Amino acid sequence: MSTCVYAIFSHTNPAQVLRLVRTLRAMSPQAAIVVHHDPTHTSLPRDWVEGAGGISIPNPIAAEWGDFSQVAQHLHTMRWCAVNLDFDWFITLTGQSYPIKPLDEFESFLRASAYDAYVNYFDAYDPAIWPPGEARRRYHYHYVRLPKFRYWHRIPAPIRERVPMLVRAFNRAQSVFKLFTFPRGLPTRLGWRTFRRPFNSKGPTLIAGNQNTNYRRAAVQYILNYVDTNPAYEAYFKHTALPDEAFFTTILVNATSFKIQNDNLRYINWPQGHAASGAVMNMAHWNALKSSPAFFALKFDSNHCPELLDHLDQELGLRPAGANP
């Protein structure tokens, strides 16, 4: 019988993370459920995770959105699981994911699969998916953080409002340097164009995707071995923007030894346009969830719409897991 590792990456709402762990445990008694909870934002004690039926990844890594530390979290968890657990499939979930079909169906599907990975991926330069120039803006520059101006709030509002326009004008006026502004009050980065990259037309091509993935153990080991034997690859991506959206897919899709299905088996509520992440769902999405062929969905928020998770529990034949540890 094949075994699965469900690897949950979370940073907020510990009660919802524990609910997910309990649900996975109830639906798959034999699976390993590991939780990498970012210690920066909220606390999720190890004994709470263990009490719910999971394993808390030791020495979790603090991360910042859009930073290489998000890649480091996944590498850290993959390495720990590869050393400490016996498994056939490695499935990544966010703390806002939830199963929408019975896990025995999902695991039977994987057991019978001829594929080595199920991931969403695409040519990073495809303008139909990312805006023209987005891949170059993210991955053709070596970025460093600029210090935050502590007196920014004292600058008159009319001047502050003109800064984004000035940044765009600076970026349009030349292509050697690039200012990359991040949302959520995160530091702006200054980049300079690189000329030697670990992806090009003659070597590995730049492949983008997202981190809701399903890997056979051999694919996990390949990724880890590739990183270990190609230190320049990791070093390069440490200074790019949003590296998690290309780091793993570029490695795996360029490998010739794996059979990869371009489907991550997730229903994601994407807003219109080029969105950085999925949007939170509510009961208006119930019919879409029921009709989806996917096995998992996101994003759910138990503070925003707890009844959606309750309905899913009922549909899956579960007693509502509740929100308390």
C-alpha atoms as a PDB file:
ATOM      1  CA  MET A   1       0.000   0.000   0.000  1.00  0.00           C
ATOM      2  CA  SER A   2       1.375   3.407  -0.943  1.00  0.00           C
ATOM      3  CA  THR A   3       1.696   5.927   1.841  1.00  0.00           C
ATOM      4  CA  CYS A   4       1.283   9.683   1.695  1.00  0.00           C
ATOM      5  CA  VAL A   5       2.820  12.617   3.507  1.00  0.00           C
ATOM      6  CA  TYR A   6       0.489  15.585   3.760  1.00  0.00           C
ATOM      7  CA  ALA A   7       2.764  18.582   4.341  1.00  0.00           C
ATOM      8  CA  ILE A   8       0.888  21.628   5.626  1.00  0.00           C
ATOM      9  CA  PHE A   9       2.559  25.047   5.345  1.00  0.00           C
ATOM     10  CA  SER A  10       0.867  27.622   7.546  1.00  0.00           C
ATOM     11  CA  HIS A  11       1.496  30.956   9.211  1.00  0.00           C
ATOM     12  CA  THR A  12      -1.810  32.042  10.740  1.00  0.00           C
ATOM     13  CA  ASN A  13      -5.117  30.838  12.211  1.00  0.00           C
ATOM     14  CA  PRO A  14      -3.791  27.859  14.231  1.00  0.00           C
ATOM     15  CA  ALA A  15      -7.323  26.653  14.996  1.00  0.00           C
ATOM     16  CA  GLN A  16      -8.033  26.154  11.296  1.00  0.00           C
ATOM     17  CA  VAL A  17      -4.683  24.412  10.784  1.00  0.00           C
ATOM     18  CA  LEU A  18      -5.523  21.978  13.596  1.00  0.00           C
ATOM     19  CA  ARG A  19      -8.941  21.386  12.078  1.00  0.00           C
ATOM     20  CA  LEU A  20      -7.250  20.438   8.825  1.00  0.00           C
ATOM     21  CA  VAL A  21      -4.879  18.072  10.635  1.00  0.00           C
ATOM     22  CA  ARG A  22      -7.779  16.362  12.445  1.00  0.00           C
ATOM     23  CA  THR A  23      -9.727  16.029   9.199  1.00  0.00           C
ATOM     24  CA  LEU A  24      -6.782  14.504   7.350  1.00  0.00           C
ATOM     25  CA  ARG A  25      -6.137  12.133  10.230  1.00  0.00           C
ATOM     26  CA  ALA A  26      -9.778  11.018  10.367  1.00  0.00           C
ATOM     27  CA  MET A  27      -9.839  10.388   6.619  1.00  0.00           C
ATOM     28  CA  SER A  28      -6.400   8.766   6.318  1.00  0.00           C
ATOM     29  CA  PRO A  29      -5.323   6.949   9.504  1.00  0.00           C
ATOM     30  CA  GLN A  30      -2.141   5.590   7.888  1.00  0.00           C
ATOM     31  CA  ALA A  31      -0.839   8.857   6.401  1.00  0.00           C
ATOM     32  CA  ALA A  32       1.880  11.061   7.843  1.00  0.00           C
ATOM     33  CA  ILE A  33       0.663  14.613   8.461  1.00  0.00           C
ATOM     34  CA  VAL A  34       3.404  17.165   9.012  1.00  0.00           C
ATOM     35  CA  VAL A  35       2.983  20.847   9.803  1.00  0.00           C
ATOM     36  CA  HIS A  36       5.520  23.558   9.079  1.00  0.00           C
ATOM     37  CA  HIS A  37       4.077  26.539  10.927  1.00  0.00           C
ATOM     38  CA  ASP A  38       5.886  29.837  10.454  1.00  0.00           C
ATOM     39  CA  PRO A  39       6.793  31.024  13.968  1.00  0.00           C
ATOM     40  CA  THR A  40       6.792  34.688  12.983  1.00  0.00           C
ATOM     41  CA  HIS A  41       3.061  35.357  13.129  1.00  0.00           C
ATOM     42  CA  THR A  42       1.193  33.069  15.515  1.00  0.00           C
ATOM     43  CA  SER A  43       2.149  30.267  17.861  1.00  0.00           C
ATOM     44  CA  LEU A  44       1.174  26.669  17.162  1.00  0.00           C
ATOM     45  CA  PRO A  45       2.577  24.504  19.980  1.00  0.00           C
ATOM     46  CA  ARG A  46       3.988  21.117  19.076  1.00  0.00           C
ATOM     47  CA  ASP A  47       1.738  19.299  21.550  1.00  0.00           C
ATOM     48  CA  TRP A  48      -1.364  20.816  19.893  1.00  0.00           C
ATOM     49  CA  VAL A  49      -0.251  19.451  16.521  1.00  0.00           C
ATOM     50  CA  GLU A  50       0.548  16.053  18.006  1.00  0.00           C
ATOM     51  CA  GLY A  51      -2.773  16.013  19.853  1.00  0.00           C
ATOM     52  CA  ALA A  52      -4.554  16.528  16.529  1.00  0.00           C
ATOM     53  CA  GLY A  53      -2.672  13.624  14.971  1.00  0.00           C
ATOM     54  CA  GLY A  54       0.148  15.421  13.208  1.00  0.00           C
ATOM     55  CA  ILE A  55       3.885  15.978  13.415  1.00  0.00           C
ATOM     56  CA  SER A  56       5.349  19.429  13.954  1.00  0.00           C
ATOM     57  CA  ILE A  57       8.411  20.007  11.758  1.00  0.00           C
ATOM     58  CA  PRO A  58      11.376  20.834  14.025  1.00  0.00           C
ATOM     59  CA  ASN A  59      13.144  24.173  13.684  1.00  0.00           C
ATOM     60  CA  PRO A  60      10.591  25.846  11.420  1.00  0.00           C
ATOM     61  CA  ILE A  61      11.862  28.657   9.203  1.00  0.00           C
ATOM     62  CA  ALA A  62      10.458  32.164   9.416  1.00  0.00           C
ATOM     63  CA  ALA A  63       9.453  33.463   6.003  1.00  0.00           C
ATOM     64  CA  GLU A  64       8.427  36.649   4.270  1.00  0.00           C
ATOM     65  CA  TRP A  65       6.017  36.742   1.355  1.00  0.00           C
ATOM     66  CA  GLY A  66       7.828  36.909  -1.988  1.00  0.00           C
ATOM     67  CA  ASP A  67      11.180  36.027  -0.425  1.00  0.00           C
ATOM     68  CA  PHE A  68      13.444  32.981  -0.867  1.00  0.00           C
ATOM     69  CA  SER A  69      12.615  32.020   2.708  1.00  0.00           C
ATOM     70  CA  GLN A  70       9.378  30.544   1.344  1.00  0.00           C
ATOM     71  CA  VAL A  71      11.443  28.194  -0.812  1.00  0.00           C
ATOM     72  CA  ALA A  72      13.616  27.419   2.207  1.00  0.00           C
ATOM     73  CA  GLN A  73      10.547  26.339   4.181  1.00  0.00           C
ATOM     74  CA  HIS A  74       9.669  23.756   1.541  1.00  0.00           C
ATOM     75  CA  LEU A  75      13.237  22.490   1.184  1.00  0.00           C
ATOM     76  CA  HIS A  76      13.548  22.172   4.966  1.00  0.00           C
ATOM     77  CA  THR A  77      10.315  20.183   5.212  1.00  0.00           C
ATOM     78  CA  MET A  78      11.129  17.986   2.225  1.00  0.00           C
ATOM     79  CA  ARG A  79      14.559  17.167   3.664  1.00  0.00           C
ATOM     80  CA  TRP A  80      13.135  16.315   7.071  1.00  0.00           C
ATOM     81  CA  CYS A  81      10.485  14.049   5.573  1.00  0.00           C
ATOM     82  CA  ALA A  82      12.959  12.351   3.220  1.00  0.00           C
ATOM     83  CA  VAL A  83      15.195  11.479   6.174  1.00  0.00           C
ATOM     84  CA  ASN A  84      12.584  10.615   8.786  1.00  0.00           C
ATOM     85  CA  LEU A  85       9.534   9.217   6.995  1.00  0.00           C
ATOM     86  CA  ASP A  86       8.776   6.314   4.681  1.00  0.00           C
ATOM     87  CA  PHE A  87       6.373   7.508   1.987  1.00  0.00           C
ATOM     88  CA  ASP A  88       5.439   7.145  -1.660  1.00  0.00           C
ATOM     89  CA  TRP A  89       3.768  10.546  -2.243  1.00  0.00           C
ATOM     90  CA  PHE A  90       4.467  14.019  -0.855  1.00  0.00           C
ATOM     91  CA  ILE A  91       1.437  16.345  -1.002  1.00  0.00           C
ATOM     92  CA  THR A  92       1.767  20.024  -0.139  1.00  0.00           C
ATOM     93  CA  LEU A  93      -1.129  21.924   1.403  1.00  0.00           C
ATOM     94  CA  THR A  94      -1.553  25.410   2.783  1.00  0.00           C
ATOM     95  CA  GLY A  95      -3.214  26.093   6.101  1.00  0.00           C
ATOM     96  CA  GLN A  96      -6.205  27.321   4.082  1.00  0.00           C
ATOM     97  CA  SER A  97      -6.596  24.124   2.044  1.00  0.00           C
ATOM     98  CA  TYR A  98      -9.193  21.424   2.703  1.00  0.00           C
ATOM     99  CA  PRO A  99     -10.150  18.104   1.084  1.00  0.00           C
ATOM    100  CA  ILE A 100     -13.295  18.170  -1.028  1.00  0.00           C
ATOM    101  CA  LYS A 101     -13.337  14.442  -1.805  1.00  0.00           C
ATOM    102  CA  PRO A 102     -12.645  11.387   0.378  1.00  0.00           C
ATOM    103  CA  LEU A 103      -8.935  10.814   0.827  1.00  0.00           C
ATOM    104  CA  ASP A 104      -9.225   7.104   0.107  1.00  0.00           C
ATOM    105  CA  GLU A 105     -10.296   8.100  -3.422  1.00  0.00           C
ATOM    106  CA  PHE A 106      -7.349  10.478  -3.702  1.00  0.00           C
ATOM    107  CA  GLU A 107      -4.834   7.955  -2.418  1.00  0.00           C
ATOM    108  CA  SER A 108      -6.229   5.197  -4.652  1.00  0.00           C
ATOM    109  CA  PHE A 109      -5.907   7.592  -7.582  1.00  0.00           C
ATOM    110  CA  LEU A 110      -2.240   8.204  -6.767  1.00  0.00           C
ATOM    111  CA  ARG A 111      -1.576   4.524  -6.170  1.00  0.00           C
ATOM    112  CA  ALA A 112      -2.821   3.656  -9.666  1.00  0.00           C
ATOM    113  CA  SER A 113      -1.184   6.652 -11.347  1.00  0.00           C
ATOM    114  CA  ALA A 114       1.428   6.354 -14.081  1.00  0.00           C
ATOM    115  CA  TYR A 115       2.688   9.871 -13.295  1.00  0.00           C
ATOM    116  CA  ASP A 116       5.513  10.971 -11.012  1.00  0.00           C
ATOM    117  CA  ALA A 117       4.082  14.378 -10.197  1.00  0.00           C
ATOM    118  CA  TYR A 118       0.903  16.415 -10.484  1.00  0.00           C
ATOM    119  CA  VAL A 119       1.717  20.117 -10.636  1.00  0.00           C
ATOM    120  CA  ASN A 120       0.446  23.182 -12.469  1.00  0.00           C
ATOM    121  CA  TYR A 121       3.201  24.612 -14.643  1.00  0.00           C
ATOM    122  CA  PHE A 122       3.638  26.893 -17.642  1.00  0.00           C
ATOM    123  CA  ASP A 123       6.248  28.697 -19.707  1.00  0.00           C
ATOM    124  CA  ALA A 124       7.160  31.677 -17.517  1.00  0.00           C
ATOM    125  CA  TYR A 125       7.371  33.914 -20.605  1.00  0.00           C
ATOM    126  CA  ASP A 126       3.862  33.063 -21.836  1.00  0.00           C
ATOM    127  CA  PRO A 127       2.014  36.427 -21.957  1.00  0.00           C
ATOM    128  CA  ALA A 128      -1.333  34.649 -21.822  1.00  0.00           C
ATOM    129  CA  ILE A 129      -0.616  33.643 -18.227  1.00  0.00           C
ATOM    130  CA  TRP A 130       1.711  36.293 -16.838  1.00  0.00           C
ATOM    131  CA  PRO A 131       1.738  39.904 -18.058  1.00  0.00           C
ATOM    132  CA  PRO A 132       4.416  40.602 -20.683  1.00  0.00           C
ATOM    133  CA  GLY A 133       7.764  41.167 -19.006  1.00  0.00           C
ATOM    134  CA  GLU A 134       6.703  39.697 -15.647  1.00  0.00           C
ATOM    135  CA  ALA A 135       9.103  36.743 -15.780  1.00  0.00           C
ATOM    136  CA  ARG A 136      12.006  39.043 -16.694  1.00  0.00           C
ATOM    137  CA  ARG A 137      11.054  41.466 -13.940  1.00  0.00           C
ATOM    138  CA  ARG A 138      11.077  38.680 -11.366  1.00  0.00           C
ATOM    139  CA  TYR A 139      13.935  36.468 -12.482  1.00  0.00           C
ATOM    140  CA  HIS A 140      16.349  38.471 -14.662  1.00  0.00           C
ATOM    141  CA  TYR A 141      17.499  40.767 -11.858  1.00  0.00           C
ATOM    142  CA  HIS A 142      19.614  40.391  -8.742  1.00  0.00           C
ATOM    143  CA  TYR A 143      17.612  42.057  -5.979  1.00  0.00           C
ATOM    144  CA  VAL A 144      18.619  43.517  -2.647  1.00  0.00           C
ATOM    145  CA  ARG A 145      16.328  45.030  -0.048  1.00  0.00           C
ATOM    146  CA  LEU A 146      16.209  48.761   0.393  1.00  0.00           C
ATOM    147  CA  PRO A 147      15.948  50.030   3.971  1.00  0.00           C
ATOM    148  CA  LYS A 148      12.498  51.204   4.942  1.00  0.00           C
ATOM    149  CA  PHE A 149      12.215  54.958   5.386  1.00  0.00           C
ATOM    150  CA  ARG A 150      11.097  55.330   8.987  1.00  0.00           C
ATOM    151  CA  TYR A 151       9.591  58.780   8.442  1.00  0.00           C
ATOM    152  CA  TRP A 152       7.538  57.792   5.415  1.00  0.00           C
ATOM    153  CA  HIS A 153       4.310  58.588   7.277  1.00  0.00           C
ATOM    154  CA  ARG A 154       5.433  62.200   7.705  1.00  0.00           C
ATOM    155  CA  ILE A 155       5.689  62.841   3.981  1.00  0.00           C
ATOM    156  CA  PRO A 156       2.624  64.705   2.674  1.00  0.00           C
ATOM    157  CA  ALA A 157       0.036  62.393   1.134  1.00  0.00           C
ATOM    158  CA  PRO A 158       0.100  64.050  -2.338  1.00  0.00           C
ATOM    159  CA  ILE A 159       3.823  63.249  -2.592  1.00  0.00           C
ATOM    160  CA  ARG A 160       3.426  59.686  -1.288  1.00  0.00           C
ATOM    161  CA  GLU A 161       0.713  59.056  -3.855  1.00  0.00           C
ATOM    162  CA  ARG A 162       3.063  60.034  -6.685  1.00  0.00           C
ATOM    163  CA  VAL A 163       5.788  57.564  -5.702  1.00  0.00           C
ATOM    164  CA  PRO A 164       4.297  54.529  -7.540  1.00  0.00           C
ATOM    165  CA  MET A 165       4.121  56.598 -10.709  1.00  0.00           C
ATOM    166  CA  LEU A 166       7.771  57.623 -10.276  1.00  0.00           C
ATOM    167  CA  VAL A 167       8.787  53.988  -9.733  1.00  0.00           C
ATOM    168  CA  ARG A 168       7.026  52.943 -12.945  1.00  0.00           C
ATOM    169  CA  ALA A 169       8.686  55.805 -14.834  1.00  0.00           C
ATOM    170  CA  PHE A 170      12.116  54.767 -13.507  1.00  0.00           C
ATOM    171  CA  ASN A 171      11.575  51.168 -14.611  1.00  0.00           C
ATOM    172  CA  ARG A 172      10.343  52.193 -18.060  1.00  0.00           C
ATOM    173  CA  ALA A 173      13.187  54.623 -18.667  1.00  0.00           C
ATOM    174  CA  GLN A 174      15.930  51.982 -18.588  1.00  0.00           C
ATOM    175  CA  SER A 175      16.360  48.227 -18.224  1.00  0.00           C
ATOM    176  CA  VAL A 176      19.597  47.898 -16.252  1.00  0.00           C
ATOM    177  CA  PHE A 177      18.065  48.596 -12.843  1.00  0.00           C
ATOM    178  CA  LYS A 178      14.666  47.646 -11.519  1.00  0.00           C
ATOM    179  CA  LEU A 179      12.648  48.740  -8.505  1.00  0.00           C
ATOM    180  CA  PHE A 180      10.354  45.969  -7.311  1.00  0.00           C
ATOM    181  CA  THR A 181       7.678  47.074  -4.876  1.00  0.00           C
ATOM    182  CA  PHE A 182       5.970  44.490  -2.723  1.00  0.00           C
ATOM    183  CA  PRO A 183       2.486  44.665  -1.199  1.00  0.00           C
ATOM    184  CA  ARG A 184       1.620  44.390   2.504  1.00  0.00           C
ATOM    185  CA  GLY A 185       4.159  47.014   3.538  1.00  0.00           C
ATOM    186  CA  LEU A 186       7.119  44.774   2.688  1.00  0.00           C
ATOM    187  CA  PRO A 187      10.464  46.347   1.761  1.00  0.00           C
ATOM    188  CA  THR A 188      11.041  47.550  -1.779  1.00  0.00           C
ATOM    189  CA  ARG A 189      13.883  45.817  -3.622  1.00  0.00           C
ATOM    190  CA  LEU A 190      16.431  47.275  -6.005  1.00  0.00           C
ATOM    191  CA  GLY A 191      17.702  44.953  -8.702  1.00  0.00           C
ATOM    192  CA  TRP A 192      20.299  45.038 -11.434  1.00  0.00           C
ATOM    193  CA  ARG A 193      20.055  42.959 -14.569  1.00  0.00           C
ATOM    194  CA  THR A 194      21.892  39.649 -14.603  1.00  0.00           C
ATOM    195  CA  PHE A 195      23.657  38.209 -17.614  1.00  0.00           C
ATOM    196  CA  ARG A 196      24.443  34.696 -16.390  1.00  0.00           C
ATOM    197  CA  ARG A 197      21.357  32.776 -15.344  1.00  0.00           C
ATOM    198  CA  PRO A 198      20.768  29.086 -14.518  1.00  0.00           C
ATOM    199  CA  PHE A 199      18.049  28.990 -17.176  1.00  0.00           C
ATOM    200  CA  ASN A 200      18.313  29.977 -20.826  1.00  0.00           C
ATOM    201  CA  SER A 201      17.418  28.892 -24.349  1.00  0.00           C
ATOM    202  CA  LYS A 202      20.278  26.361 -24.430  1.00  0.00           C
ATOM    203  CA  GLY A 203      19.773  24.851 -21.003  1.00  0.00           C
ATOM    204  CA  PRO A 204      16.960  24.497 -18.504  1.00  0.00           C
ATOM    205  CA  THR A 205      14.015  26.686 -19.480  1.00  0.00           C
ATOM    206  CA  LEU A 206      12.271  28.893 -16.941  1.00  0.00           C
ATOM    207  CA  ILE A 207       9.065  27.177 -15.865  1.00  0.00           C
ATOM    208  CA  ALA A 208       6.604  28.787 -13.487  1.00  0.00           C
ATOM    209  CA  GLY A 209       3.871  27.302 -11.350  1.00  0.00           C
ATOM    210  CA  ASN A 210       2.546  27.278  -7.805  1.00  0.00           C
ATOM    211  CA  GLN A 211       3.385  25.364  -4.673  1.00  0.00           C
ATOM    212  CA  ASN A 212       0.233  23.257  -4.399  1.00  0.00           C
ATOM    213  CA  THR A 213       1.918  20.071  -5.556  1.00  0.00           C
ATOM    214  CA  ASN A 214       1.914  16.274  -5.475  1.00  0.00           C
ATOM    215  CA  TYR A 215       5.286  14.500  -5.869  1.00  0.00           C
ATOM    216  CA  ARG A 216       6.358  10.898  -5.801  1.00  0.00           C
ATOM    217  CA  ARG A 217       9.223  10.297  -3.415  1.00  0.00           C
ATOM    218  CA  ALA A 218      11.624   9.951  -6.357  1.00  0.00           C
ATOM    219  CA  ALA A 219      10.681  13.459  -7.510  1.00  0.00           C
ATOM    220  CA  VAL A 220      11.282  14.857  -4.025  1.00  0.00           C
ATOM    221  CA  GLN A 221      14.682  13.190  -3.900  1.00  0.00           C
ATOM    222  CA  TYR A 222      15.535  14.484  -7.366  1.00  0.00           C
ATOM    223  CA  ILE A 223      14.747  18.067  -6.330  1.00  0.00           C
ATOM    224  CA  LEU A 224      16.863  17.779  -3.191  1.00  0.00           C
ATOM    225  CA  ASN A 225      19.760  16.185  -5.078  1.00  0.00           C
ATOM    226  CA  TYR A 226      19.571  18.865  -7.771  1.00  0.00           C
ATOM    227  CA  VAL A 227      19.785  21.634  -5.189  1.00  0.00           C
ATOM    228  CA  ASP A 228      22.694  19.919  -3.434  1.00  0.00           C
ATOM    229  CA  THR A 229      24.677  19.394  -6.621  1.00  0.00           C
ATOM    230  CA  ASN A 230      23.878  22.769  -8.220  1.00  0.00           C
ATOM    231  CA  PRO A 231      24.615  25.347  -5.501  1.00  0.00           C
ATOM    232  CA  ALA A 232      24.699  28.174  -8.054  1.00  0.00           C
ATOM    233  CA  TYR A 233      21.037  27.500  -8.847  1.00  0.00           C
ATOM    234  CA  GLU A 234      19.919  28.105  -5.271  1.00  0.00           C
ATOM    235  CA  ALA A 235      22.299  31.047  -4.895  1.00  0.00           C
ATOM    236  CA  TYR A 236      20.808  32.712  -7.968  1.00  0.00           C
ATOM    237  CA  PHE A 237      17.185  32.324  -6.897  1.00  0.00           C
ATOM    238  CA  LYS A 238      17.938  33.724  -3.438  1.00  0.00           C
ATOM    239  CA  HIS A 239      18.103  37.170  -5.047  1.00  0.00           C
ATOM    240  CA  THR A 240      15.063  36.979  -7.305  1.00  0.00           C
ATOM    241  CA  ALA A 241      11.497  38.083  -6.603  1.00  0.00           C
ATOM    242  CA  LEU A 242       8.810  35.495  -5.747  1.00  0.00           C
ATOM    243  CA  PRO A 243      11.237  32.602  -6.350  1.00  0.00           C
ATOM    244  CA  ASP A 244       8.827  29.957  -5.040  1.00  0.00           C
ATOM    245  CA  GLU A 245       6.758  30.363  -8.219  1.00  0.00           C
ATOM    246  CA  ALA A 246       9.591  29.089 -10.429  1.00  0.00           C
ATOM    247  CA  PHE A 247      12.240  27.388  -8.277  1.00  0.00           C
ATOM    248  CA  PHE A 248      10.722  23.893  -8.024  1.00  0.00           C
ATOM    249  CA  THR A 249       8.885  23.732 -11.342  1.00  0.00           C
ATOM    250  CA  THR A 250      12.001  24.731 -13.286  1.00  0.00           C
ATOM    251  CA  ILE A 251      13.926  21.860 -11.699  1.00  0.00           C
ATOM    252  CA  LEU A 252      11.285  19.203 -12.127  1.00  0.00           C
ATOM    253  CA  VAL A 253       9.745  20.003 -15.506  1.00  0.00           C
ATOM    254  CA  ASN A 254      13.190  20.215 -17.111  1.00  0.00           C
ATOM    255  CA  ALA A 255      14.044  16.737 -15.842  1.00  0.00           C
ATOM    256  CA  THR A 256      13.714  14.104 -18.545  1.00  0.00           C
ATOM    257  CA  SER A 257      13.260  11.120 -16.252  1.00  0.00           C
ATOM    258  CA  PHE A 258       9.811  11.991 -14.879  1.00  0.00           C
ATOM    259  CA  LYS A 259       6.317  11.841 -16.238  1.00  0.00           C
ATOM    260  CA  ILE A 260       4.495  14.972 -15.064  1.00  0.00           C
ATOM    261  CA  GLN A 261       0.815  15.798 -15.373  1.00  0.00           C
ATOM    262  CA  ASN A 262       0.030  19.501 -15.691  1.00  0.00           C
ATOM    263  CA  ASP A 263      -2.699  19.410 -13.065  1.00  0.00           C
ATOM    264  CA  ASN A 264      -2.218  19.911  -9.341  1.00  0.00           C
ATOM    265  CA  LEU A 265      -5.588  18.347  -8.469  1.00  0.00           C
ATOM    266  CA  ARG A 266      -6.714  21.512  -6.652  1.00  0.00           C
ATOM    267  CA  TYR A 267      -9.703  23.797  -7.058  1.00  0.00           C
ATOM    268  CA  ILE A 268      -8.418  27.329  -6.474  1.00  0.00           C
ATOM    269  CA  ASN A 269     -10.682  30.353  -6.417  1.00  0.00           C
ATOM    270  CA  TRP A 270      -8.674  32.676  -8.639  1.00  0.00           C
ATOM    271  CA  PRO A 271      -9.837  36.288  -8.810  1.00  0.00           C
ATOM    272  CA  GLN A 272     -10.110  37.882 -12.214  1.00  0.00           C
ATOM    273  CA  GLY A 273      -6.919  39.085 -13.822  1.00  0.00           C
ATOM    274  CA  HIS A 274      -3.348  38.231 -12.879  1.00  0.00           C
ATOM    275  CA  ALA A 275      -3.687  37.470  -9.172  1.00  0.00           C
ATOM    276  CA  ALA A 276      -0.799  36.687  -6.837  1.00  0.00           C
ATOM    277  CA  SER A 277      -2.851  34.186  -4.862  1.00  0.00           C
ATOM    278  CA  GLY A 278      -6.291  32.658  -4.660  1.00  0.00           C
ATOM    279  CA  ALA A 279      -9.214  34.373  -2.977  1.00  0.00           C
ATOM    280  CA  VAL A 280     -11.192  33.227   0.056  1.00  0.00           C
ATOM    281  CA  MET A 281     -14.338  31.256  -0.740  1.00  0.00           C
ATOM    282  CA  ASN A 282     -17.811  31.399   0.747  1.00  0.00           C
ATOM    283  CA  MET A 283     -21.091  29.520   0.329  1.00  0.00           C
ATOM    284  CA  ALA A 284     -21.512  30.997  -3.147  1.00  0.00           C
ATOM    285  CA  HIS A 285     -18.765  28.572  -4.226  1.00  0.00           C
ATOM    286  CA  TRP A 286     -20.515  25.466  -2.904  1.00  0.00           C
ATOM    287  CA  ASN A 287     -21.803  24.205  -6.259  1.00  0.00           C
ATOM    288  CA  ALA A 288     -18.415  24.752  -7.878  1.00  0.00           C
ATOM    289  CA  LEU A 289     -16.744  22.749  -5.114  1.00  0.00           C
ATOM    290  CA  LYS A 290     -19.229  19.883  -5.424  1.00  0.00           C
ATOM    291  CA  SER A 291     -18.818  19.663  -9.198  1.00  0.00           C
ATOM    292  CA  SER A 292     -15.033  20.040  -9.270  1.00  0.00           C
ATOM    293  CA  PRO A 293     -12.970  16.949 -10.198  1.00  0.00           C
ATOM    294  CA  ALA A 294     -10.219  18.175  -7.841  1.00  0.00           C
ATOM    295  CA  PHE A 295      -9.432  16.479  -4.541  1.00  0.00           C
ATOM    296  CA  PHE A 296      -8.534  19.611  -2.539  1.00  0.00           C
ATOM    297  CA  ALA A 297      -9.541  23.260  -2.675  1.00  0.00           C
ATOM    298  CA  LEU A 298      -8.422  26.623  -1.310  1.00  0.00           C
ATOM    299  CA  LYS A 299      -8.738  29.217   0.144  1.00  0.00           C
ATOM    300  CA  PHE A 300     -10.969  28.600   3.119  1.00  0.00           C
ATOM    301  CA  ASP A 301     -11.152  30.911   6.113  1.00  0.00           C
ATOM    302  CA  SER A 302     -12.925  29.650   9.219  1.00  0.00           C
ATOM    303  CA  ASN A 303     -13.162  33.200  10.536  1.00  0.00           C
ATOM    304  CA  HIS A 304     -14.794  34.441   7.343  1.00  0.00           C
ATOM    305  CA  CYS A 305     -17.110  31.553   6.417  1.00  0.00           C
ATOM    306  CA  PRO A 306     -16.996  28.634   8.884  1.00  0.00           C
ATOM    307  CA  GLU A 307     -20.216  27.156   7.518  1.00  0.00           C
ATOM    308  CA  LEU A 308     -18.468  26.251   4.255  1.00  0.00           C
ATOM    309  CA  LEU A 309     -16.090  23.926   6.104  1.00  0.00           C
ATOM    310  CA  ASP A 310     -19.014  22.511   8.093  1.00  0.00           C
ATOM    311  CA  HIS A 311     -20.852  21.713   4.864  1.00  0.00           C
ATOM    312  CA  LEU A 312     -17.760  19.995   3.499  1.00  0.00           C
ATOM    313  CA  ASP A 313     -17.452  17.888   6.643  1.00  0.00           C
ATOM    314  CA  GLN A 314     -21.045  16.781   6.239  1.00  0.00           C
ATOM    315  CA  GLU A 315     -20.509  16.015   2.553  1.00  0.00           C
ATOM    316  CA  LEU A 316     -17.446  13.933   3.433  1.00  0.00           C
ATOM    317  CA  GLY A 317     -19.304  12.077   6.172  1.00  0.00           C
ATOM    318  CA  LEU A 318     -17.291  13.645   8.980  1.00  0.00           C
ATOM    319  CA  ARG A 319     -18.367  15.026  12.277  1.00  0.00           C
ATOM    320  CA  PRO A 320     -17.554  18.761  12.075  1.00  0.00           C
ATOM    321  CA  ALA A 321     -14.012  19.032  13.348  1.00  0.00           C
ATOM    322  CA  GLY A 322     -14.649  22.233  15.247  1.00  0.00           C
ATOM    323  CA  ALA A 323     -12.259  25.111  15.553  1.00  0.00           C
ATOM    324  CA  ASN A 324     -10.806  24.652  19.032  1.00  0.00           C
ATOM    325  CA  PRO A 325      -7.531  22.857  19.764  1.00  0.00           C
END
